[in-house]
Amino acid sequence: MITLPWLYALAGAMFAAFSILSAFDRTNAKRLGNAAFWGLIALSFFAGDRLGDFGNGLLVLGLVGLAGFGALGRGKPATTSDAEKTDLAARLGNRLFLPALVIPVTALAGTFLLKDSGLIDPKQVTLISLGLGVLIALAICYFWLRPPALAPLQEGRRLMDSVGWAAVLPQMLAALGAVFALAGVGEVVGGIAGEAIPEGSLFAAVAAYGIGMALFTMIMGNAFAAFPVMTAAIGLPILIKGYGGDPAIVCAIGMLAGFCGTLMTPMAANFNIVPAALLDLKDQNGVVKAQVGTAIPLLACNLLLIYFLAFQ
């Protein structure tokens, strides 16, 4: 049976390839720093569950040290030439996006068709199907476009070098959210919210949860970090246990409320600051400013969805 560790091994192999290719990239003056950074991430995927808490802590400190001391740079990997890319774009047009569409289609189909097949862990069928979709899309690209053998890895490395340390920010912040939850931050926030929310006011409780998810996400930079804290503080004790809300609806739409906060914060560097840098925008916060007008109405819609759907 294919389980989640298989997907971790695939991701580890990809980052290991980035590390090796970076080590031999003489166009990057900081190639050894890049090789060490991506190599540590590869190690976390390959053996994170066997390193223990202390070993993983040292690994994270190594990543922070490499990023904090500016050890990462950007190379110019040899891959498909600009002329070849222009020619493919002219000949194929929007058909170039077809392989990318294979990934979500495979993930959706696998979720419904492979759940009870006995071939894939039913608890992780969506993630594993997503990884399978990537492999299928890659095979289609090789067969259809005939790129150089290392082009996918080189292009992937180029993209990851452009994003840099921010590539691991979501995982770091999600882990920090779990630490906060274990430290009892949710209970403290819940105590404050319990005093502030008017007794018997369902909408006030929903608003506190949804807006709290958005605000905490803006502080942490990631909804995955906010979710365990706000759900432990308000979602579970007040909305689900207190008012009998549907857990699936409360939690799912609560996450969407948190993502509204992602749109409005520079702390979500991988979403909002990195694109500004890659596009050479004059205003570093230009992406955030452009998204606020969408985020606030969307947050209001999420509050209404929780209120009208979760308590029937």
C-alpha atoms as a PDB file:
ATOM      1  CA  MET A   1       0.000   0.000   0.000  1.00  0.00           C
ATOM      2  CA  ILE A   2       1.263   3.473  -0.910  1.00  0.00           C
ATOM      3  CA  THR A   3       1.413   5.642   2.210  1.00  0.00           C
ATOM      4  CA  LEU A   4       2.419   9.212   3.003  1.00  0.00           C
ATOM      5  CA  PRO A   5       6.134   8.352   3.541  1.00  0.00           C
ATOM      6  CA  TRP A   6       6.298   7.515  -0.170  1.00  0.00           C
ATOM      7  CA  LEU A   7       5.292  11.103  -0.940  1.00  0.00           C
ATOM      8  CA  TYR A   8       7.844  12.387   1.574  1.00  0.00           C
ATOM      9  CA  ALA A   9      10.513  10.291  -0.169  1.00  0.00           C
ATOM     10  CA  LEU A  10       9.531  11.818  -3.531  1.00  0.00           C
ATOM     11  CA  ALA A  11       9.797  15.340  -2.120  1.00  0.00           C
ATOM     12  CA  GLY A  12      13.103  14.447  -0.457  1.00  0.00           C
ATOM     13  CA  ALA A  13      14.488  13.160  -3.753  1.00  0.00           C
ATOM     14  CA  MET A  14      13.508  16.417  -5.462  1.00  0.00           C
ATOM     15  CA  PHE A  15      15.228  18.590  -2.831  1.00  0.00           C
ATOM     16  CA  ALA A  16      18.268  16.288  -2.842  1.00  0.00           C
ATOM     17  CA  ALA A  17      18.522  16.848  -6.600  1.00  0.00           C
ATOM     18  CA  PHE A  18      18.293  20.617  -6.035  1.00  0.00           C
ATOM     19  CA  SER A  19      21.101  20.332  -3.512  1.00  0.00           C
ATOM     20  CA  ILE A  20      23.393  18.350  -5.806  1.00  0.00           C
ATOM     21  CA  LEU A  21      22.732  20.582  -8.814  1.00  0.00           C
ATOM     22  CA  SER A  22      23.310  23.677  -6.686  1.00  0.00           C
ATOM     23  CA  ALA A  23      26.682  22.373  -5.471  1.00  0.00           C
ATOM     24  CA  PHE A  24      27.958  22.202  -9.070  1.00  0.00           C
ATOM     25  CA  ASP A  25      26.428  25.482 -10.266  1.00  0.00           C
ATOM     26  CA  ARG A  26      29.395  27.791 -10.735  1.00  0.00           C
ATOM     27  CA  THR A  27      27.117  30.638 -11.836  1.00  0.00           C
ATOM     28  CA  ASN A  28      26.040  30.968  -8.206  1.00  0.00           C
ATOM     29  CA  ALA A  29      28.685  32.464  -5.923  1.00  0.00           C
ATOM     30  CA  LYS A  30      26.804  31.034  -2.927  1.00  0.00           C
ATOM     31  CA  ARG A  31      26.253  27.571  -4.385  1.00  0.00           C
ATOM     32  CA  LEU A  32      27.483  25.752  -1.274  1.00  0.00           C
ATOM     33  CA  GLY A  33      24.978  27.611   0.903  1.00  0.00           C
ATOM     34  CA  ASN A  34      22.164  26.665  -1.451  1.00  0.00           C
ATOM     35  CA  ALA A  35      23.363  23.067  -1.534  1.00  0.00           C
ATOM     36  CA  ALA A  36      23.404  22.909   2.269  1.00  0.00           C
ATOM     37  CA  PHE A  37      19.964  24.535   2.616  1.00  0.00           C
ATOM     38  CA  TRP A  38      18.159  22.276   0.134  1.00  0.00           C
ATOM     39  CA  GLY A  39      20.131  19.304   1.438  1.00  0.00           C
ATOM     40  CA  LEU A  40      18.854  19.885   4.980  1.00  0.00           C
ATOM     41  CA  ILE A  41      15.290  20.084   3.692  1.00  0.00           C
ATOM     42  CA  ALA A  42      15.838  16.837   1.789  1.00  0.00           C
ATOM     43  CA  LEU A  43      17.112  15.249   5.009  1.00  0.00           C
ATOM     44  CA  SER A  44      13.987  16.379   6.870  1.00  0.00           C
ATOM     45  CA  PHE A  45      11.787  14.623   4.305  1.00  0.00           C
ATOM     46  CA  PHE A  46      13.904  11.492   4.193  1.00  0.00           C
ATOM     47  CA  ALA A  47      14.510  11.030   7.906  1.00  0.00           C
ATOM     48  CA  GLY A  48      12.608  13.655   9.882  1.00  0.00           C
ATOM     49  CA  ASP A  49      10.645  11.029  11.803  1.00  0.00           C
ATOM     50  CA  ARG A  50      13.864   9.276  12.817  1.00  0.00           C
ATOM     51  CA  LEU A  51      15.917  12.333  13.814  1.00  0.00           C
ATOM     52  CA  GLY A  52      13.897  12.979  16.960  1.00  0.00           C
ATOM     53  CA  ASP A  53      12.997  16.334  18.455  1.00  0.00           C
ATOM     54  CA  PHE A  54      16.596  17.311  19.190  1.00  0.00           C
ATOM     55  CA  GLY A  55      17.825  16.348  15.721  1.00  0.00           C
ATOM     56  CA  ASN A  56      14.987  18.201  13.994  1.00  0.00           C
ATOM     57  CA  GLY A  57      15.635  21.205  16.209  1.00  0.00           C
ATOM     58  CA  LEU A  58      19.270  21.288  15.083  1.00  0.00           C
ATOM     59  CA  LEU A  59      18.140  20.925  11.472  1.00  0.00           C
ATOM     60  CA  VAL A  60      15.813  23.915  11.805  1.00  0.00           C
ATOM     61  CA  LEU A  61      18.572  25.973  13.433  1.00  0.00           C
ATOM     62  CA  GLY A  62      20.806  25.079  10.503  1.00  0.00           C
ATOM     63  CA  LEU A  63      18.182  26.327   8.046  1.00  0.00           C
ATOM     64  CA  VAL A  64      17.693  29.533  10.029  1.00  0.00           C
ATOM     65  CA  GLY A  65      21.448  30.093  10.231  1.00  0.00           C
ATOM     66  CA  LEU A  66      21.963  29.652   6.497  1.00  0.00           C
ATOM     67  CA  ALA A  67      19.085  31.988   5.671  1.00  0.00           C
ATOM     68  CA  GLY A  68      19.845  34.521   8.407  1.00  0.00           C
ATOM     69  CA  PHE A  69      23.503  34.921   7.463  1.00  0.00           C
ATOM     70  CA  GLY A  70      22.721  35.404   3.779  1.00  0.00           C
ATOM     71  CA  ALA A  71      24.222  32.138   2.594  1.00  0.00           C
ATOM     72  CA  LEU A  72      21.661  31.681  -0.188  1.00  0.00           C
ATOM     73  CA  GLY A  73      22.117  32.975  -3.715  1.00  0.00           C
ATOM     74  CA  ARG A  74      20.652  32.595  -7.192  1.00  0.00           C
ATOM     75  CA  GLY A  75      22.302  30.788 -10.064  1.00  0.00           C
ATOM     76  CA  LYS A  76      21.521  30.554 -13.763  1.00  0.00           C
ATOM     77  CA  PRO A  77      20.895  26.857 -14.385  1.00  0.00           C
ATOM     78  CA  ALA A  78      21.276  25.547 -17.902  1.00  0.00           C
ATOM     79  CA  THR A  79      17.865  24.493 -19.177  1.00  0.00           C
ATOM     80  CA  THR A  80      15.564  25.228 -22.108  1.00  0.00           C
ATOM     81  CA  SER A  81      16.877  28.322 -23.914  1.00  0.00           C
ATOM     82  CA  ASP A  82      14.852  31.520 -24.232  1.00  0.00           C
ATOM     83  CA  ALA A  83      14.572  30.935 -27.980  1.00  0.00           C
ATOM     84  CA  GLU A  84      13.159  27.444 -27.411  1.00  0.00           C
ATOM     85  CA  LYS A  85      10.656  28.753 -24.857  1.00  0.00           C
ATOM     86  CA  THR A  86       9.522  31.504 -27.246  1.00  0.00           C
ATOM     87  CA  ASP A  87       9.128  28.986 -30.066  1.00  0.00           C
ATOM     88  CA  LEU A  88       7.077  26.598 -27.892  1.00  0.00           C
ATOM     89  CA  ALA A  89       4.860  29.444 -26.682  1.00  0.00           C
ATOM     90  CA  ALA A  90       4.243  30.607 -30.259  1.00  0.00           C
ATOM     91  CA  ARG A  91       3.438  27.116 -31.540  1.00  0.00           C
ATOM     92  CA  LEU A  92       1.404  25.746 -28.634  1.00  0.00           C
ATOM     93  CA  GLY A  93      -0.153  28.811 -27.017  1.00  0.00           C
ATOM     94  CA  ASN A  94      -2.417  28.062 -24.072  1.00  0.00           C
ATOM     95  CA  ARG A  95      -2.070  24.327 -24.667  1.00  0.00           C
ATOM     96  CA  LEU A  96       1.139  24.602 -22.650  1.00  0.00           C
ATOM     97  CA  PHE A  97      -1.055  24.757 -19.547  1.00  0.00           C
ATOM     98  CA  LEU A  98      -2.619  21.345 -20.168  1.00  0.00           C
ATOM     99  CA  PRO A  99      -0.004  19.378 -18.171  1.00  0.00           C
ATOM    100  CA  ALA A 100      -0.606  21.671 -15.198  1.00  0.00           C
ATOM    101  CA  LEU A 101      -4.326  20.855 -15.334  1.00  0.00           C
ATOM    102  CA  VAL A 102      -3.508  17.156 -15.143  1.00  0.00           C
ATOM    103  CA  ILE A 103      -2.412  17.598 -11.510  1.00  0.00           C
ATOM    104  CA  PRO A 104      -5.720  18.792  -9.959  1.00  0.00           C
ATOM    105  CA  VAL A 105      -7.734  16.456 -12.210  1.00  0.00           C
ATOM    106  CA  THR A 106      -5.667  13.482 -11.027  1.00  0.00           C
ATOM    107  CA  ALA A 107      -5.971  14.570  -7.391  1.00  0.00           C
ATOM    108  CA  LEU A 108      -9.762  14.839  -7.693  1.00  0.00           C
ATOM    109  CA  ALA A 109     -10.147  11.564  -9.582  1.00  0.00           C
ATOM    110  CA  GLY A 110      -7.835   9.728  -7.206  1.00  0.00           C
ATOM    111  CA  THR A 111      -9.738  11.005  -4.180  1.00  0.00           C
ATOM    112  CA  PHE A 112     -12.988   9.486  -5.452  1.00  0.00           C
ATOM    113  CA  LEU A 113     -11.732   6.404  -7.291  1.00  0.00           C
ATOM    114  CA  LEU A 114      -8.783   5.159  -5.252  1.00  0.00           C
ATOM    115  CA  LYS A 115     -10.048   5.646  -1.701  1.00  0.00           C
ATOM    116  CA  ASP A 116     -11.296   2.057  -1.378  1.00  0.00           C
ATOM    117  CA  SER A 117      -8.885   0.476  -3.860  1.00  0.00           C
ATOM    118  CA  GLY A 118      -6.554  -0.955  -1.231  1.00  0.00           C
ATOM    119  CA  LEU A 119      -3.598   0.485  -3.178  1.00  0.00           C
ATOM    120  CA  ILE A 120      -3.397   3.822  -1.323  1.00  0.00           C
ATOM    121  CA  ASP A 121      -3.800   4.744   2.321  1.00  0.00           C
ATOM    122  CA  PRO A 122      -7.422   5.985   2.376  1.00  0.00           C
ATOM    123  CA  LYS A 123      -6.565   8.628   4.983  1.00  0.00           C
ATOM    124  CA  GLN A 124      -3.994  10.244   2.659  1.00  0.00           C
ATOM    125  CA  VAL A 125      -5.538   9.493  -0.719  1.00  0.00           C
ATOM    126  CA  THR A 126      -5.835  13.155  -1.784  1.00  0.00           C
ATOM    127  CA  LEU A 127      -2.204  14.053  -1.041  1.00  0.00           C
ATOM    128  CA  ILE A 128      -0.888  10.881  -2.634  1.00  0.00           C
ATOM    129  CA  SER A 129      -3.096  11.437  -5.690  1.00  0.00           C
ATOM    130  CA  LEU A 130      -1.684  14.959  -5.908  1.00  0.00           C
ATOM    131  CA  GLY A 131       1.844  13.538  -6.007  1.00  0.00           C
ATOM    132  CA  LEU A 132       0.749  10.985  -8.613  1.00  0.00           C
ATOM    133  CA  GLY A 133      -0.670  13.831 -10.696  1.00  0.00           C
ATOM    134  CA  VAL A 134       2.702  15.592 -10.633  1.00  0.00           C
ATOM    135  CA  LEU A 135       4.448  12.462 -11.923  1.00  0.00           C
ATOM    136  CA  ILE A 136       1.850  11.964 -14.670  1.00  0.00           C
ATOM    137  CA  ALA A 137       2.104  15.617 -15.738  1.00  0.00           C
ATOM    138  CA  LEU A 138       5.899  15.329 -15.791  1.00  0.00           C
ATOM    139  CA  ALA A 139       5.718  12.218 -17.983  1.00  0.00           C
ATOM    140  CA  ILE A 140       3.359  14.010 -20.379  1.00  0.00           C
ATOM    141  CA  CYS A 141       5.755  16.951 -20.615  1.00  0.00           C
ATOM    142  CA  TYR A 142       8.684  14.664 -21.436  1.00  0.00           C
ATOM    143  CA  PHE A 143       6.691  12.804 -24.090  1.00  0.00           C
ATOM    144  CA  TRP A 144       5.082  15.902 -25.626  1.00  0.00           C
ATOM    145  CA  LEU A 145       7.633  18.719 -25.280  1.00  0.00           C
ATOM    146  CA  ARG A 146      10.884  16.692 -25.301  1.00  0.00           C
ATOM    147  CA  PRO A 147      12.784  18.988 -22.881  1.00  0.00           C
ATOM    148  CA  PRO A 148      16.404  18.328 -21.837  1.00  0.00           C
ATOM    149  CA  ALA A 149      16.602  15.501 -19.289  1.00  0.00           C
ATOM    150  CA  LEU A 150      17.372  17.776 -16.338  1.00  0.00           C
ATOM    151  CA  ALA A 151      15.148  20.681 -17.407  1.00  0.00           C
ATOM    152  CA  PRO A 152      12.358  20.012 -14.843  1.00  0.00           C
ATOM    153  CA  LEU A 153      14.831  19.817 -11.965  1.00  0.00           C
ATOM    154  CA  GLN A 154      16.804  22.822 -13.165  1.00  0.00           C
ATOM    155  CA  GLU A 155      13.654  24.903 -13.617  1.00  0.00           C
ATOM    156  CA  GLY A 156      12.411  23.776 -10.221  1.00  0.00           C
ATOM    157  CA  ARG A 157      15.732  24.748  -8.661  1.00  0.00           C
ATOM    158  CA  ARG A 158      15.645  28.124 -10.403  1.00  0.00           C
ATOM    159  CA  LEU A 159      12.186  28.799  -8.987  1.00  0.00           C
ATOM    160  CA  MET A 160      13.139  27.654  -5.477  1.00  0.00           C
ATOM    161  CA  ASP A 161      16.299  29.784  -5.564  1.00  0.00           C
ATOM    162  CA  SER A 162      14.130  32.778  -6.506  1.00  0.00           C
ATOM    163  CA  VAL A 163      11.795  32.155  -3.565  1.00  0.00           C
ATOM    164  CA  GLY A 164      14.699  31.291  -1.238  1.00  0.00           C
ATOM    165  CA  TRP A 165      14.129  30.693   2.469  1.00  0.00           C
ATOM    166  CA  ALA A 166      10.483  31.808   2.207  1.00  0.00           C
ATOM    167  CA  ALA A 167       9.737  28.440   0.581  1.00  0.00           C
ATOM    168  CA  VAL A 168       9.738  26.793   4.014  1.00  0.00           C
ATOM    169  CA  LEU A 169       7.870  29.597   5.778  1.00  0.00           C
ATOM    170  CA  PRO A 170       4.436  27.870   5.670  1.00  0.00           C
ATOM    171  CA  GLN A 171       5.818  24.728   7.336  1.00  0.00           C
ATOM    172  CA  MET A 172       7.679  26.760   9.950  1.00  0.00           C
ATOM    173  CA  LEU A 173       4.616  28.835  10.841  1.00  0.00           C
ATOM    174  CA  ALA A 174       2.342  25.797  10.912  1.00  0.00           C
ATOM    175  CA  ALA A 175       4.738  24.161  13.354  1.00  0.00           C
ATOM    176  CA  LEU A 176       4.779  27.353  15.423  1.00  0.00           C
ATOM    177  CA  GLY A 177       0.986  27.271  15.564  1.00  0.00           C
ATOM    178  CA  ALA A 178       1.120  23.739  16.935  1.00  0.00           C
ATOM    179  CA  VAL A 179       3.649  24.870  19.560  1.00  0.00           C
ATOM    180  CA  PHE A 180       1.356  27.742  20.576  1.00  0.00           C
ATOM    181  CA  ALA A 181      -1.564  25.334  20.877  1.00  0.00           C
ATOM    182  CA  LEU A 182       0.447  22.969  23.097  1.00  0.00           C
ATOM    183  CA  ALA A 183       1.609  25.916  25.193  1.00  0.00           C
ATOM    184  CA  GLY A 184      -2.008  26.799  26.001  1.00  0.00           C
ATOM    185  CA  VAL A 185      -2.246  30.028  24.002  1.00  0.00           C
ATOM    186  CA  GLY A 186      -5.666  28.906  22.778  1.00  0.00           C
ATOM    187  CA  GLU A 187      -6.947  28.651  26.333  1.00  0.00           C
ATOM    188  CA  VAL A 188      -5.750  32.175  27.117  1.00  0.00           C
ATOM    189  CA  VAL A 189      -7.346  33.578  23.957  1.00  0.00           C
ATOM    190  CA  GLY A 190     -10.489  31.593  24.707  1.00  0.00           C
ATOM    191  CA  GLY A 191     -10.721  33.090  28.175  1.00  0.00           C
ATOM    192  CA  ILE A 192     -10.458  36.606  26.787  1.00  0.00           C
ATOM    193  CA  ALA A 193     -12.985  35.843  24.037  1.00  0.00           C
ATOM    194  CA  GLY A 194     -15.416  34.290  26.517  1.00  0.00           C
ATOM    195  CA  GLU A 195     -15.513  37.531  28.482  1.00  0.00           C
ATOM    196  CA  ALA A 196     -15.800  39.738  25.390  1.00  0.00           C
ATOM    197  CA  ILE A 197     -18.489  37.804  23.468  1.00  0.00           C
ATOM    198  CA  PRO A 198     -22.029  38.704  24.616  1.00  0.00           C
ATOM    199  CA  GLU A 199     -23.760  35.703  26.154  1.00  0.00           C
ATOM    200  CA  GLY A 200     -26.215  34.048  23.789  1.00  0.00           C
ATOM    201  CA  SER A 201     -25.024  35.951  20.713  1.00  0.00           C
ATOM    202  CA  LEU A 202     -24.235  33.342  18.077  1.00  0.00           C
ATOM    203  CA  PHE A 203     -23.231  35.836  15.404  1.00  0.00           C
ATOM    204  CA  ALA A 204     -20.826  37.575  17.791  1.00  0.00           C
ATOM    205  CA  ALA A 205     -19.179  34.204  18.476  1.00  0.00           C
ATOM    206  CA  VAL A 206     -18.953  33.474  14.742  1.00  0.00           C
ATOM    207  CA  ALA A 207     -17.487  36.929  14.103  1.00  0.00           C
ATOM    208  CA  ALA A 208     -14.965  36.491  16.912  1.00  0.00           C
ATOM    209  CA  TYR A 209     -13.833  33.186  15.442  1.00  0.00           C
ATOM    210  CA  GLY A 210     -13.666  34.307  11.803  1.00  0.00           C
ATOM    211  CA  ILE A 211     -12.148  37.727  12.407  1.00  0.00           C
ATOM    212  CA  GLY A 212      -9.835  36.213  15.014  1.00  0.00           C
ATOM    213  CA  MET A 213      -8.641  33.683  12.423  1.00  0.00           C
ATOM    214  CA  ALA A 214      -7.936  36.508   9.975  1.00  0.00           C
ATOM    215  CA  LEU A 215      -6.162  38.717  12.532  1.00  0.00           C
ATOM    216  CA  PHE A 216      -4.071  35.909  14.004  1.00  0.00           C
ATOM    217  CA  THR A 217      -3.152  34.855  10.473  1.00  0.00           C
ATOM    218  CA  MET A 218      -2.008  38.400   9.742  1.00  0.00           C
ATOM    219  CA  ILE A 219       0.237  38.252  12.802  1.00  0.00           C
ATOM    220  CA  MET A 220       1.596  34.754  12.131  1.00  0.00           C
ATOM    221  CA  GLY A 221       1.617  34.975   8.349  1.00  0.00           C
ATOM    222  CA  ASN A 222      -0.136  31.647   7.852  1.00  0.00           C
ATOM    223  CA  ALA A 223      -3.648  30.345   8.490  1.00  0.00           C
ATOM    224  CA  PHE A 224      -2.262  26.938   9.455  1.00  0.00           C
ATOM    225  CA  ALA A 225      -0.550  28.597  12.413  1.00  0.00           C
ATOM    226  CA  ALA A 226      -3.716  30.433  13.442  1.00  0.00           C
ATOM    227  CA  PHE A 227      -6.053  27.461  13.093  1.00  0.00           C
ATOM    228  CA  PRO A 228      -5.055  25.341  16.130  1.00  0.00           C
ATOM    229  CA  VAL A 229      -5.014  28.392  18.401  1.00  0.00           C
ATOM    230  CA  MET A 230      -8.351  29.939  17.351  1.00  0.00           C
ATOM    231  CA  THR A 231     -10.134  26.609  17.035  1.00  0.00           C
ATOM    232  CA  ALA A 232      -9.039  25.614  20.522  1.00  0.00           C
ATOM    233  CA  ALA A 233     -10.036  29.051  21.831  1.00  0.00           C
ATOM    234  CA  ILE A 234     -13.392  29.671  20.134  1.00  0.00           C
ATOM    235  CA  GLY A 235     -14.220  27.189  17.406  1.00  0.00           C
ATOM    236  CA  LEU A 236     -14.344  24.010  19.465  1.00  0.00           C
ATOM    237  CA  PRO A 237     -15.550  25.145  22.918  1.00  0.00           C
ATOM    238  CA  ILE A 238     -18.003  27.850  21.844  1.00  0.00           C
ATOM    239  CA  LEU A 239     -19.196  27.239  18.287  1.00  0.00           C
ATOM    240  CA  ILE A 240     -19.111  23.439  18.154  1.00  0.00           C
ATOM    241  CA  LYS A 241     -19.716  22.350  21.769  1.00  0.00           C
ATOM    242  CA  GLY A 242     -21.598  25.430  22.953  1.00  0.00           C
ATOM    243  CA  TYR A 243     -23.843  26.089  19.956  1.00  0.00           C
ATOM    244  CA  GLY A 244     -23.770  22.642  18.331  1.00  0.00           C
ATOM    245  CA  GLY A 245     -22.136  23.789  15.097  1.00  0.00           C
ATOM    246  CA  ASP A 246     -21.153  21.330  12.376  1.00  0.00           C
ATOM    247  CA  PRO A 247     -17.396  20.746  12.911  1.00  0.00           C
ATOM    248  CA  ALA A 248     -16.652  20.275   9.193  1.00  0.00           C
ATOM    249  CA  ILE A 249     -18.337  23.544   8.199  1.00  0.00           C
ATOM    250  CA  VAL A 250     -16.988  25.589  11.111  1.00  0.00           C
ATOM    251  CA  CYS A 251     -13.405  24.407  10.609  1.00  0.00           C
ATOM    252  CA  ALA A 252     -13.344  24.448   6.799  1.00  0.00           C
ATOM    253  CA  ILE A 253     -14.821  27.928   6.417  1.00  0.00           C
ATOM    254  CA  GLY A 254     -12.824  29.094   9.431  1.00  0.00           C
ATOM    255  CA  MET A 255      -9.676  28.232   7.502  1.00  0.00           C
ATOM    256  CA  LEU A 256     -10.978  30.266   4.549  1.00  0.00           C
ATOM    257  CA  ALA A 257     -11.484  33.203   6.926  1.00  0.00           C
ATOM    258  CA  GLY A 258      -7.870  32.792   7.971  1.00  0.00           C
ATOM    259  CA  PHE A 259      -6.745  32.852   4.347  1.00  0.00           C
ATOM    260  CA  CYS A 260      -8.434  36.249   4.031  1.00  0.00           C
ATOM    261  CA  GLY A 261      -5.869  37.410   6.572  1.00  0.00           C
ATOM    262  CA  THR A 262      -3.112  35.907   4.420  1.00  0.00           C
ATOM    263  CA  LEU A 263      -4.106  38.284   1.636  1.00  0.00           C
ATOM    264  CA  MET A 264      -3.641  41.313   3.905  1.00  0.00           C
ATOM    265  CA  THR A 265      -0.282  40.772   5.572  1.00  0.00           C
ATOM    266  CA  PRO A 266       3.370  41.150   4.576  1.00  0.00           C
ATOM    267  CA  MET A 267       4.093  38.396   7.114  1.00  0.00           C
ATOM    268  CA  ALA A 268       2.897  35.950   4.435  1.00  0.00           C
ATOM    269  CA  ALA A 269       6.162  36.641   2.658  1.00  0.00           C
ATOM    270  CA  ASN A 270       6.023  33.700   0.280  1.00  0.00           C
ATOM    271  CA  PHE A 271       2.636  34.918  -1.046  1.00  0.00           C
ATOM    272  CA  ASN A 272       2.905  38.692  -0.855  1.00  0.00           C
ATOM    273  CA  ILE A 273       6.526  39.846  -0.637  1.00  0.00           C
ATOM    274  CA  VAL A 274       8.318  37.328  -2.855  1.00  0.00           C
ATOM    275  CA  PRO A 275       6.023  38.013  -5.864  1.00  0.00           C
ATOM    276  CA  ALA A 276       6.636  41.743  -5.436  1.00  0.00           C
ATOM    277  CA  ALA A 277      10.376  41.097  -5.506  1.00  0.00           C
ATOM    278  CA  LEU A 278      10.202  38.764  -8.502  1.00  0.00           C
ATOM    279  CA  LEU A 279       8.069  41.267 -10.451  1.00  0.00           C
ATOM    280  CA  ASP A 280      10.342  44.188  -9.446  1.00  0.00           C
ATOM    281  CA  LEU A 281       7.407  46.179  -8.083  1.00  0.00           C
ATOM    282  CA  LYS A 282       8.316  49.634  -6.779  1.00  0.00           C
ATOM    283  CA  ASP A 283       6.004  49.189  -3.788  1.00  0.00           C
ATOM    284  CA  GLN A 284       7.038  46.175  -1.717  1.00  0.00           C
ATOM    285  CA  ASN A 285       3.518  45.996  -0.265  1.00  0.00           C
ATOM    286  CA  GLY A 286       1.823  46.482  -3.629  1.00  0.00           C
ATOM    287  CA  VAL A 287       0.482  42.913  -3.697  1.00  0.00           C
ATOM    288  CA  VAL A 288      -1.067  43.292  -0.235  1.00  0.00           C
ATOM    289  CA  LYS A 289      -2.690  46.616  -1.119  1.00  0.00           C
ATOM    290  CA  ALA A 290      -4.196  45.146  -4.270  1.00  0.00           C
ATOM    291  CA  GLN A 291      -5.706  42.249  -2.350  1.00  0.00           C
ATOM    292  CA  VAL A 292      -7.333  44.079   0.579  1.00  0.00           C
ATOM    293  CA  GLY A 293     -10.368  45.052  -1.505  1.00  0.00           C
ATOM    294  CA  THR A 294     -11.038  41.367  -2.144  1.00  0.00           C
ATOM    295  CA  ALA A 295     -10.080  40.025   1.273  1.00  0.00           C
ATOM    296  CA  ILE A 296     -12.461  42.094   3.423  1.00  0.00           C
ATOM    297  CA  PRO A 297     -15.705  41.318   1.484  1.00  0.00           C
ATOM    298  CA  LEU A 298     -14.607  37.678   1.247  1.00  0.00           C
ATOM    299  CA  LEU A 299     -14.106  37.561   5.020  1.00  0.00           C
ATOM    300  CA  ALA A 300     -17.635  38.946   5.522  1.00  0.00           C
ATOM    301  CA  CYS A 301     -19.018  36.257   3.193  1.00  0.00           C
ATOM    302  CA  ASN A 302     -17.229  33.548   5.171  1.00  0.00           C
ATOM    303  CA  LEU A 303     -18.772  34.787   8.420  1.00  0.00           C
ATOM    304  CA  LEU A 304     -22.237  34.622   6.875  1.00  0.00           C
ATOM    305  CA  LEU A 305     -21.565  31.134   5.491  1.00  0.00           C
ATOM    306  CA  ILE A 306     -20.589  29.829   8.928  1.00  0.00           C
ATOM    307  CA  TYR A 307     -23.594  31.510  10.554  1.00  0.00           C
ATOM    308  CA  PHE A 308     -26.197  30.214   8.077  1.00  0.00           C
ATOM    309  CA  LEU A 309     -24.737  26.787   7.234  1.00  0.00           C
ATOM    310  CA  ALA A 310     -23.157  25.406  10.392  1.00  0.00           C
ATOM    311  CA  PHE A 311     -26.057  25.722  12.837  1.00  0.00           C
ATOM    312  CA  GLN A 312     -29.065  24.187  11.110  1.00  0.00           C
END
